[in-house]
C-alpha atoms as a PDB file:
ATOM      1  CA  MET A   1      -2.674  -3.590 -22.279  1.00  0.00           C
ATOM      2  CA  ALA A   2      -3.414  -0.335 -19.959  1.00  0.00           C
ATOM      3  CA  THR A   3      -1.292   0.656 -17.050  1.00  0.00           C
ATOM      4  CA  TYR A   4      -3.088   1.100 -13.986  1.00  0.00           C
ATOM      5  CA  HIS A   5      -1.907   2.109 -10.573  1.00  0.00           C
ATOM      6  CA  TYR A   6      -3.437   0.754  -7.329  1.00  0.00           C
ATOM      7  CA  LEU A   7      -2.642   3.144  -4.243  1.00  0.00           C
ATOM      8  CA  VAL A   8      -2.782   1.216  -0.936  1.00  0.00           C
ATOM      9  CA  LEU A   9      -3.079   3.140   2.585  1.00  0.00           C
ATOM     10  CA  THR A  10      -1.819   1.132   5.387  1.00  0.00           C
ATOM     11  CA  LYS A  11      -0.515   1.444   9.079  1.00  0.00           C
ATOM     12  CA  ALA A  12       1.918  -0.554  11.402  1.00  0.00           C
ATOM     13  CA  VAL A  13       0.384  -1.866  14.475  1.00  0.00           C
ATOM     14  CA  GLU A  14       1.329   0.712  17.750  1.00  0.00           C
ATOM     15  CA  GLY A  15       4.891   0.092  18.646  1.00  0.00           C
ATOM     16  CA  GLN A  16       5.927  -1.901  15.804  1.00  0.00           C
ATOM     17  CA  GLU A  17       6.365   0.916  12.742  1.00  0.00           C
ATOM     18  CA  GLN A  18       9.852  -0.095  12.648  1.00  0.00           C
ATOM     19  CA  ALA A  19       9.184  -3.471  11.673  1.00  0.00           C
ATOM     20  CA  PHE A  20       6.491  -2.727   9.444  1.00  0.00           C
ATOM     21  CA  ALA A  21       8.918  -0.644   7.219  1.00  0.00           C
ATOM     22  CA  ASP A  22      11.028  -3.188   6.918  1.00  0.00           C
ATOM     23  CA  TRP A  23       8.543  -5.941   6.209  1.00  0.00           C
ATOM     24  CA  TYR A  24       6.838  -4.173   3.604  1.00  0.00           C
ATOM     25  CA  ASP A  25       9.946  -2.612   1.813  1.00  0.00           C
ATOM     26  CA  ASP A  26      12.034  -6.092   2.196  1.00  0.00           C
ATOM     27  CA  GLN A  27       9.573  -8.583   1.629  1.00  0.00           C
ATOM     28  CA  HIS A  28       6.265  -7.169   0.666  1.00  0.00           C
ATOM     29  CA  ILE A  29       7.325  -5.079  -1.968  1.00  0.00           C
ATOM     30  CA  PRO A  30       9.203  -7.887  -3.701  1.00  0.00           C
ATOM     31  CA  ASP A  31       6.683 -10.834  -3.016  1.00  0.00           C
ATOM     32  CA  CYS A  32       4.025  -8.248  -5.283  1.00  0.00           C
ATOM     33  CA  LEU A  33       6.508  -7.325  -7.853  1.00  0.00           C
ATOM     34  CA  ARG A  34       6.756 -11.418  -9.073  1.00  0.00           C
ATOM     35  CA  VAL A  35       3.018 -11.274  -9.841  1.00  0.00           C
ATOM     36  CA  ALA A  36       2.220 -11.029 -13.260  1.00  0.00           C
ATOM     37  CA  GLY A  37       1.042  -8.043 -14.377  1.00  0.00           C
ATOM     38  CA  VAL A  38       2.544  -5.944 -11.410  1.00  0.00           C
ATOM     39  CA  THR A  39       5.275  -3.954 -13.169  1.00  0.00           C
ATOM     40  CA  GLY A  40       6.353  -1.609 -10.405  1.00  0.00           C
ATOM     41  CA  ALA A  41       6.267  -0.422  -6.583  1.00  0.00           C
ATOM     42  CA  LYS A  42       7.134   2.026  -4.492  1.00  0.00           C
ATOM     43  CA  ARG A  43       6.210   3.022  -0.839  1.00  0.00           C
ATOM     44  CA  TYR A  44       6.013   6.354   1.120  1.00  0.00           C
ATOM     45  CA  LYS A  45       6.082   7.007   4.459  1.00  0.00           C
ATOM     46  CA  ILE A  46       3.214   9.474   5.506  1.00  0.00           C
ATOM     47  CA  LEU A  47       4.481  11.881   7.742  1.00  0.00           C
ATOM     48  CA  ASN A  48       0.656  14.311   8.261  1.00  0.00           C
ATOM     49  CA  GLN A  49      -2.404  14.923   6.919  1.00  0.00           C
ATOM     50  CA  VAL A  50      -2.266  18.419   5.514  1.00  0.00           C
ATOM     51  CA  LEU A  51      -5.245  20.647   6.459  1.00  0.00           C
ATOM     52  CA  SER A  52      -6.341  24.309   5.392  1.00  0.00           C
ATOM     53  CA  PRO A  53      -3.929  26.725   5.675  1.00  0.00           C
ATOM     54  CA  ASN A  54      -6.577  29.313   7.482  1.00  0.00           C
ATOM     55  CA  SER A  55      -7.046  26.456  10.285  1.00  0.00           C
ATOM     56  CA  ALA A  56      -6.071  27.008  13.811  1.00  0.00           C
ATOM     57  CA  ARG A  57      -3.973  23.556  13.320  1.00  0.00           C
ATOM     58  CA  PRO A  58      -2.982  23.336   9.658  1.00  0.00           C
ATOM     59  CA  THR A  59      -1.202  19.441  10.066  1.00  0.00           C
ATOM     60  CA  GLN A  60      -2.538  16.469  11.914  1.00  0.00           C
ATOM     61  CA  ASP A  61      -1.708  13.286  12.344  1.00  0.00           C
ATOM     62  CA  ALA A  62      -2.550  10.804   9.529  1.00  0.00           C
ATOM     63  CA  PRO A  63      -4.950   7.718  10.451  1.00  0.00           C
ATOM     64  CA  PHE A  64      -1.953   5.475   8.130  1.00  0.00           C
ATOM     65  CA  ASP A  65       1.434   5.257   8.255  1.00  0.00           C
ATOM     66  CA  SER A  66       2.209   4.629   4.640  1.00  0.00           C
ATOM     67  CA  LEU A  67       1.337   4.855   1.093  1.00  0.00           C
ATOM     68  CA  ALA A  68       2.573   2.200  -1.661  1.00  0.00           C
ATOM     69  CA  ILE A  69       1.821   2.791  -5.267  1.00  0.00           C
ATOM     70  CA  TYR A  70       1.816  -0.476  -7.405  1.00  0.00           C
ATOM     71  CA  GLU A  71       1.922  -0.055 -11.465  1.00  0.00           C
ATOM     72  CA  PHE A  72      -0.250  -2.952 -12.800  1.00  0.00           C
ATOM     73  CA  GLU A  73       0.019  -3.542 -16.453  1.00  0.00           C
ATOM     74  CA  THR A  74      -3.305  -5.869 -17.323  1.00  0.00           C
ATOM     75  CA  ASP A  75      -6.671  -5.526 -18.972  1.00  0.00           C
ATOM     76  CA  ASP A  76      -8.441  -6.042 -15.974  1.00  0.00           C
ATOM     77  CA  PRO A  77      -7.163  -4.216 -12.690  1.00  0.00           C
ATOM     78  CA  THR A  78      -9.791  -5.142 -10.339  1.00  0.00           C
ATOM     79  CA  ALA A  79      -8.904  -9.031 -11.117  1.00  0.00           C
ATOM     80  CA  LEU A  80      -5.120  -8.466 -10.381  1.00  0.00           C
ATOM     81  CA  ALA A  81      -5.775  -7.329  -7.272  1.00  0.00           C
ATOM     82  CA  PHE A  82      -8.484  -9.663  -5.943  1.00  0.00           C
ATOM     83  CA  HIS A  83      -5.339 -11.753  -6.842  1.00  0.00           C
ATOM     84  CA  LEU A  84      -3.236  -9.994  -5.207  1.00  0.00           C
ATOM     85  CA  LEU A  85      -5.584 -10.043  -1.909  1.00  0.00           C
ATOM     86  CA  SER A  86      -6.457 -13.929  -2.269  1.00  0.00           C
ATOM     87  CA  ILE A  87      -2.451 -14.842  -2.080  1.00  0.00           C
ATOM     88  CA  ALA A  88      -2.074 -12.252   0.892  1.00  0.00           C
ATOM     89  CA  GLY A  89      -1.044 -14.155   4.104  1.00  0.00           C
ATOM     90  CA  THR A  90       0.004 -17.505   2.111  1.00  0.00           C
ATOM     91  CA  GLN A  91       3.408 -18.639   1.405  1.00  0.00           C
ATOM     92  CA  ALA A  92       3.450 -16.650  -1.385  1.00  0.00           C
ATOM     93  CA  MET A  93       2.631 -13.760   0.154  1.00  0.00           C
ATOM     94  CA  PRO A  94       3.055 -13.932   4.166  1.00  0.00           C
ATOM     95  CA  LEU A  95       2.005 -10.884   6.024  1.00  0.00           C
ATOM     96  CA  SER A  96       4.239  -9.341   9.006  1.00  0.00           C
ATOM     97  CA  PRO A  97       2.424  -9.465  12.521  1.00  0.00           C
ATOM     98  CA  ALA A  98       3.502  -5.802  12.695  1.00  0.00           C
ATOM     99  CA  PHE A  99       1.019  -5.109  10.284  1.00  0.00           C
ATOM    100  CA  ASP A 100      -2.545  -3.470  11.318  1.00  0.00           C
ATOM    101  CA  ARG A 101      -5.129  -5.322   8.757  1.00  0.00           C
ATOM    102  CA  THR A 102      -8.096  -3.327  10.125  1.00  0.00           C
ATOM    103  CA  GLY A 103      -6.212  -0.218   8.405  1.00  0.00           C
ATOM    104  CA  THR A 104      -6.079  -0.376   4.991  1.00  0.00           C
ATOM    105  CA  VAL A 105      -7.780   1.585   2.183  1.00  0.00           C
ATOM    106  CA  LYS A 106      -7.135   0.764  -1.618  1.00  0.00           C
ATOM    107  CA  PHE A 107      -7.592   2.859  -4.881  1.00  0.00           C
ATOM    108  CA  MET A 108      -7.297   2.348  -8.406  1.00  0.00           C
ATOM    109  CA  ALA A 109      -6.348   4.685 -10.786  1.00  0.00           C
ATOM    110  CA  VAL A 110      -5.756   5.426 -14.361  1.00  0.00           C
ATOM    111  CA  ASP A 111      -3.961   8.389 -15.997  1.00  0.00           C
ATOM    112  CA  ALA A 112      -6.955  10.919 -16.626  1.00  0.00           C
END
């Protein structure tokens, strides 16, 4: 069985950043870790988007608030990601109203 990393960029509803962070860290990650095949998860707060050091403005506000990296041990990482998506918003994985679902980008990665 291989190890994969599921990278998820998310953002909070404007003005609800603390409620979003509390929900993500205290509820969402533990809910994900209860799913078979999810062996680890960590959320990072995004500070800014780094641009070229030669530009007039070397950083700018990022379009996301958080990067979460989940570790999967599975033979089918896409199926596991789809399973997580299918239970999102159910009793097994409640979603917070502070979570802006319109601003999420997901990537699957494996060691090179």
